[in-house]
Amino acid sequence: MAYRGRYIPSKPRKYKGDPSNIIYRSLWERKFMVYCDRNDAILEWGSEEIIIPYVSPLDGRRHRYFPDFYVKVRQKDGSIKKLLIEVKPKAQCGPPKQPQRKTPRFVQEVRTWGVNKAKWEAAIEFCNDRNMEFKILTEDHLG
């Protein structure tokens, strides 16, 4: 199976956005799409359909962040919860470990972490303003 591709939902009415243009960029994202599509507790979902402005620490300018997923779920108690979900490798969910010497790879990891942190802080604020929750799912959650 390809690491990137198009996902065709079995329940296109649940999809918030254009169900003919759902793109996954990793097998973890595809796995989560299948989960959202097939789980009856998920009332609606979308992939990269929400735009959140954030300021990059690299250039100090405004950019646009598209969280991986929007999910509206009916919880066990019957209440409805809205979430924004980011799917990331666990290794990218914290600051990189300081190596013995600063390699180009380490510098890139620091840059990536800085941008991710800025995006996630903007997402948390966005969610707090809209009675939503922001979650980061890793390979640990997606099995």
C-alpha atoms as a PDB file:
ATOM      1  CA  MET A   1       0.000   0.000   0.000  1.00  0.00           C
ATOM      2  CA  ALA A   2       1.233   3.492  -0.875  1.00  0.00           C
ATOM      3  CA  TYR A   3       2.182   5.915   1.898  1.00  0.00           C
ATOM      4  CA  ARG A   4       0.218   8.623   0.114  1.00  0.00           C
ATOM      5  CA  GLY A   5      -2.993   8.475  -1.807  1.00  0.00           C
ATOM      6  CA  ARG A   6      -6.708   9.173  -2.024  1.00  0.00           C
ATOM      7  CA  TYR A   7      -9.200   7.820   0.444  1.00  0.00           C
ATOM      8  CA  ILE A   8     -12.675   6.903  -0.808  1.00  0.00           C
ATOM      9  CA  PRO A   9     -15.113   6.958   2.152  1.00  0.00           C
ATOM     10  CA  SER A  10     -17.760   4.251   2.472  1.00  0.00           C
ATOM     11  CA  LYS A  11     -20.030   6.838   4.164  1.00  0.00           C
ATOM     12  CA  PRO A  12     -19.412  10.058   2.197  1.00  0.00           C
ATOM     13  CA  ARG A  13     -22.289  11.903   3.948  1.00  0.00           C
ATOM     14  CA  LYS A  14     -20.270  11.873   7.184  1.00  0.00           C
ATOM     15  CA  TYR A  15     -17.402  13.686   5.503  1.00  0.00           C
ATOM     16  CA  LYS A  16     -17.271  17.467   6.048  1.00  0.00           C
ATOM     17  CA  GLY A  17     -15.763  18.743   2.824  1.00  0.00           C
ATOM     18  CA  ASP A  18     -15.344  17.230  -0.636  1.00  0.00           C
ATOM     19  CA  PRO A  19     -15.527  13.415  -0.201  1.00  0.00           C
ATOM     20  CA  SER A  20     -14.011  12.919  -3.661  1.00  0.00           C
ATOM     21  CA  ASN A  21     -10.786  14.714  -2.659  1.00  0.00           C
ATOM     22  CA  ILE A  22      -9.573  13.143   0.599  1.00  0.00           C
ATOM     23  CA  ILE A  23      -5.772  12.815   0.620  1.00  0.00           C
ATOM     24  CA  TYR A  24      -3.699  10.859   3.135  1.00  0.00           C
ATOM     25  CA  ARG A  25       0.012  11.539   3.588  1.00  0.00           C
ATOM     26  CA  SER A  26       0.852   8.556   5.773  1.00  0.00           C
ATOM     27  CA  LEU A  27      -0.493   5.110   6.553  1.00  0.00           C
ATOM     28  CA  TRP A  28      -1.315   6.376  10.075  1.00  0.00           C
ATOM     29  CA  GLU A  29      -3.549   9.068   8.551  1.00  0.00           C
ATOM     30  CA  ARG A  30      -5.213   6.484   6.316  1.00  0.00           C
ATOM     31  CA  LYS A  31      -5.800   4.219   9.315  1.00  0.00           C
ATOM     32  CA  PHE A  32      -7.482   7.099  11.178  1.00  0.00           C
ATOM     33  CA  MET A  33      -9.629   7.883   8.110  1.00  0.00           C
ATOM     34  CA  VAL A  34     -10.882   4.286   8.019  1.00  0.00           C
ATOM     35  CA  TYR A  35     -11.639   4.526  11.766  1.00  0.00           C
ATOM     36  CA  CYS A  36     -13.618   7.777  11.331  1.00  0.00           C
ATOM     37  CA  ASP A  37     -15.473   6.456   8.296  1.00  0.00           C
ATOM     38  CA  ARG A  38     -16.527   3.160   9.915  1.00  0.00           C
ATOM     39  CA  ASN A  39     -17.116   4.198  13.542  1.00  0.00           C
ATOM     40  CA  ASP A  40     -20.812   4.936  14.174  1.00  0.00           C
ATOM     41  CA  ALA A  41     -19.943   7.204  17.141  1.00  0.00           C
ATOM     42  CA  ILE A  42     -18.189   9.569  14.699  1.00  0.00           C
ATOM     43  CA  LEU A  43     -20.990  11.785  13.410  1.00  0.00           C
ATOM     44  CA  GLU A  44     -18.848  13.804  11.003  1.00  0.00           C
ATOM     45  CA  TRP A  45     -15.196  14.168  10.133  1.00  0.00           C
ATOM     46  CA  GLY A  46     -12.909  16.066   7.797  1.00  0.00           C
ATOM     47  CA  SER A  47      -9.276  15.979   6.739  1.00  0.00           C
ATOM     48  CA  GLU A  48      -7.325  19.248   6.457  1.00  0.00           C
ATOM     49  CA  GLU A  49     -10.596  21.183   6.113  1.00  0.00           C
ATOM     50  CA  ILE A  50      -9.935  23.729   8.897  1.00  0.00           C
ATOM     51  CA  ILE A  51      -7.416  26.574   8.597  1.00  0.00           C
ATOM     52  CA  ILE A  52      -5.722  28.031  11.672  1.00  0.00           C
ATOM     53  CA  PRO A  53      -3.407  31.046  11.363  1.00  0.00           C
ATOM     54  CA  TYR A  54      -0.160  30.906  13.339  1.00  0.00           C
ATOM     55  CA  VAL A  55       3.088  32.857  13.548  1.00  0.00           C
ATOM     56  CA  SER A  56       6.192  30.867  12.608  1.00  0.00           C
ATOM     57  CA  PRO A  57       9.144  31.231  14.976  1.00  0.00           C
ATOM     58  CA  LEU A  58      11.440  30.873  11.955  1.00  0.00           C
ATOM     59  CA  ASP A  59      10.406  34.043  10.106  1.00  0.00           C
ATOM     60  CA  GLY A  60       7.983  35.795  12.487  1.00  0.00           C
ATOM     61  CA  ARG A  61       5.301  35.803   9.771  1.00  0.00           C
ATOM     62  CA  ARG A  62       1.744  34.498   9.699  1.00  0.00           C
ATOM     63  CA  HIS A  63       1.214  31.120   8.072  1.00  0.00           C
ATOM     64  CA  ARG A  64      -1.740  28.753   7.719  1.00  0.00           C
ATOM     65  CA  TYR A  65      -1.973  25.467   9.594  1.00  0.00           C
ATOM     66  CA  PHE A  66      -4.313  22.731   8.373  1.00  0.00           C
ATOM     67  CA  PRO A  67      -4.774  20.220  11.238  1.00  0.00           C
ATOM     68  CA  ASP A  68      -4.986  16.648   9.948  1.00  0.00           C
ATOM     69  CA  PHE A  69      -8.535  15.970  11.148  1.00  0.00           C
ATOM     70  CA  TYR A  70     -11.733  17.492  12.449  1.00  0.00           C
ATOM     71  CA  VAL A  71     -13.977  14.992  14.260  1.00  0.00           C
ATOM     72  CA  LYS A  72     -17.457  15.327  15.776  1.00  0.00           C
ATOM     73  CA  VAL A  73     -18.115  12.352  18.052  1.00  0.00           C
ATOM     74  CA  ARG A  74     -21.014  11.151  20.186  1.00  0.00           C
ATOM     75  CA  GLN A  75     -19.551  10.079  23.528  1.00  0.00           C
ATOM     76  CA  LYS A  76     -20.768   7.152  25.634  1.00  0.00           C
ATOM     77  CA  ASP A  77     -22.857   9.499  27.835  1.00  0.00           C
ATOM     78  CA  GLY A  78     -24.642  10.820  24.720  1.00  0.00           C
ATOM     79  CA  SER A  79     -22.919  14.206  24.701  1.00  0.00           C
ATOM     80  CA  ILE A  80     -21.252  15.470  21.543  1.00  0.00           C
ATOM     81  CA  LYS A  81     -17.595  16.482  21.428  1.00  0.00           C
ATOM     82  CA  LYS A  82     -15.670  18.221  18.636  1.00  0.00           C
ATOM     83  CA  LEU A  83     -11.943  17.636  18.246  1.00  0.00           C
ATOM     84  CA  LEU A  84      -9.055  18.651  16.060  1.00  0.00           C
ATOM     85  CA  ILE A  85      -6.589  15.802  15.631  1.00  0.00           C
ATOM     86  CA  GLU A  86      -2.975  15.919  14.480  1.00  0.00           C
ATOM     87  CA  VAL A  87      -1.326  12.609  13.525  1.00  0.00           C
ATOM     88  CA  LYS A  88       2.443  12.702  14.119  1.00  0.00           C
ATOM     89  CA  PRO A  89       5.297  10.288  14.780  1.00  0.00           C
ATOM     90  CA  LYS A  90       6.064  10.259  18.508  1.00  0.00           C
ATOM     91  CA  ALA A  91       9.625  11.403  17.726  1.00  0.00           C
ATOM     92  CA  GLN A  92       8.252  14.745  16.434  1.00  0.00           C
ATOM     93  CA  CYS A  93       6.068  15.446  19.483  1.00  0.00           C
ATOM     94  CA  GLY A  94       8.787  16.858  21.696  1.00  0.00           C
ATOM     95  CA  PRO A  95      12.015  18.804  21.410  1.00  0.00           C
ATOM     96  CA  PRO A  96      14.843  16.834  19.784  1.00  0.00           C
ATOM     97  CA  LYS A  97      17.560  15.339  21.973  1.00  0.00           C
ATOM     98  CA  GLN A  98      20.771  17.379  21.976  1.00  0.00           C
ATOM     99  CA  PRO A  99      23.483  15.351  20.188  1.00  0.00           C
ATOM    100  CA  GLN A 100      27.231  15.538  20.854  1.00  0.00           C
ATOM    101  CA  ARG A 101      27.650  17.934  17.926  1.00  0.00           C
ATOM    102  CA  LYS A 102      25.131  20.005  16.005  1.00  0.00           C
ATOM    103  CA  THR A 103      24.474  18.101  12.793  1.00  0.00           C
ATOM    104  CA  PRO A 104      22.359  19.509   9.943  1.00  0.00           C
ATOM    105  CA  ARG A 105      19.739  16.892  10.818  1.00  0.00           C
ATOM    106  CA  PHE A 106      19.561  18.145  14.431  1.00  0.00           C
ATOM    107  CA  VAL A 107      19.183  21.755  13.233  1.00  0.00           C
ATOM    108  CA  GLN A 108      16.299  20.664  10.949  1.00  0.00           C
ATOM    109  CA  GLU A 109      14.651  18.760  13.828  1.00  0.00           C
ATOM    110  CA  VAL A 110      14.867  21.891  16.016  1.00  0.00           C
ATOM    111  CA  ARG A 111      13.256  23.964  13.248  1.00  0.00           C
ATOM    112  CA  THR A 112      10.498  21.381  12.743  1.00  0.00           C
ATOM    113  CA  TRP A 113       9.815  21.215  16.481  1.00  0.00           C
ATOM    114  CA  GLY A 114       9.615  25.022  16.720  1.00  0.00           C
ATOM    115  CA  VAL A 115       7.098  25.247  13.879  1.00  0.00           C
ATOM    116  CA  ASN A 116       5.034  22.309  15.188  1.00  0.00           C
ATOM    117  CA  LYS A 117       4.942  23.858  18.670  1.00  0.00           C
ATOM    118  CA  ALA A 118       3.699  27.178  17.239  1.00  0.00           C
ATOM    119  CA  LYS A 119       1.022  25.377  15.181  1.00  0.00           C
ATOM    120  CA  TRP A 120      -0.173  23.337  18.153  1.00  0.00           C
ATOM    121  CA  GLU A 121      -0.322  26.359  20.470  1.00  0.00           C
ATOM    122  CA  ALA A 122      -2.471  28.151  17.856  1.00  0.00           C
ATOM    123  CA  ALA A 123      -4.667  25.037  17.528  1.00  0.00           C
ATOM    124  CA  ILE A 124      -5.197  24.836  21.306  1.00  0.00           C
ATOM    125  CA  GLU A 125      -6.225  28.507  21.396  1.00  0.00           C
ATOM    126  CA  PHE A 126      -8.512  27.982  18.361  1.00  0.00           C
ATOM    127  CA  CYS A 127     -10.163  25.009  20.079  1.00  0.00           C
ATOM    128  CA  ASN A 128     -10.524  26.765  23.451  1.00  0.00           C
ATOM    129  CA  ASP A 129     -12.366  29.622  21.713  1.00  0.00           C
ATOM    130  CA  ARG A 130     -14.801  27.124  20.102  1.00  0.00           C
ATOM    131  CA  ASN A 131     -15.418  24.604  22.895  1.00  0.00           C
ATOM    132  CA  MET A 132     -13.346  21.988  21.068  1.00  0.00           C
ATOM    133  CA  GLU A 133     -10.371  19.856  22.042  1.00  0.00           C
ATOM    134  CA  PHE A 134      -6.992  19.475  20.322  1.00  0.00           C
ATOM    135  CA  LYS A 135      -5.265  16.084  20.425  1.00  0.00           C
ATOM    136  CA  ILE A 136      -2.054  14.711  18.942  1.00  0.00           C
ATOM    137  CA  LEU A 137      -2.184  11.027  18.029  1.00  0.00           C
ATOM    138  CA  THR A 138       1.017   9.015  17.565  1.00  0.00           C
ATOM    139  CA  GLU A 139       1.804   5.441  16.562  1.00  0.00           C
ATOM    140  CA  ASP A 140       1.120   4.545  20.224  1.00  0.00           C
ATOM    141  CA  HIS A 141      -2.538   5.572  19.809  1.00  0.00           C
ATOM    142  CA  LEU A 142      -3.001   4.213  16.299  1.00  0.00           C
ATOM    143  CA  GLY A 143      -1.411   0.836  17.017  1.00  0.00           C
END
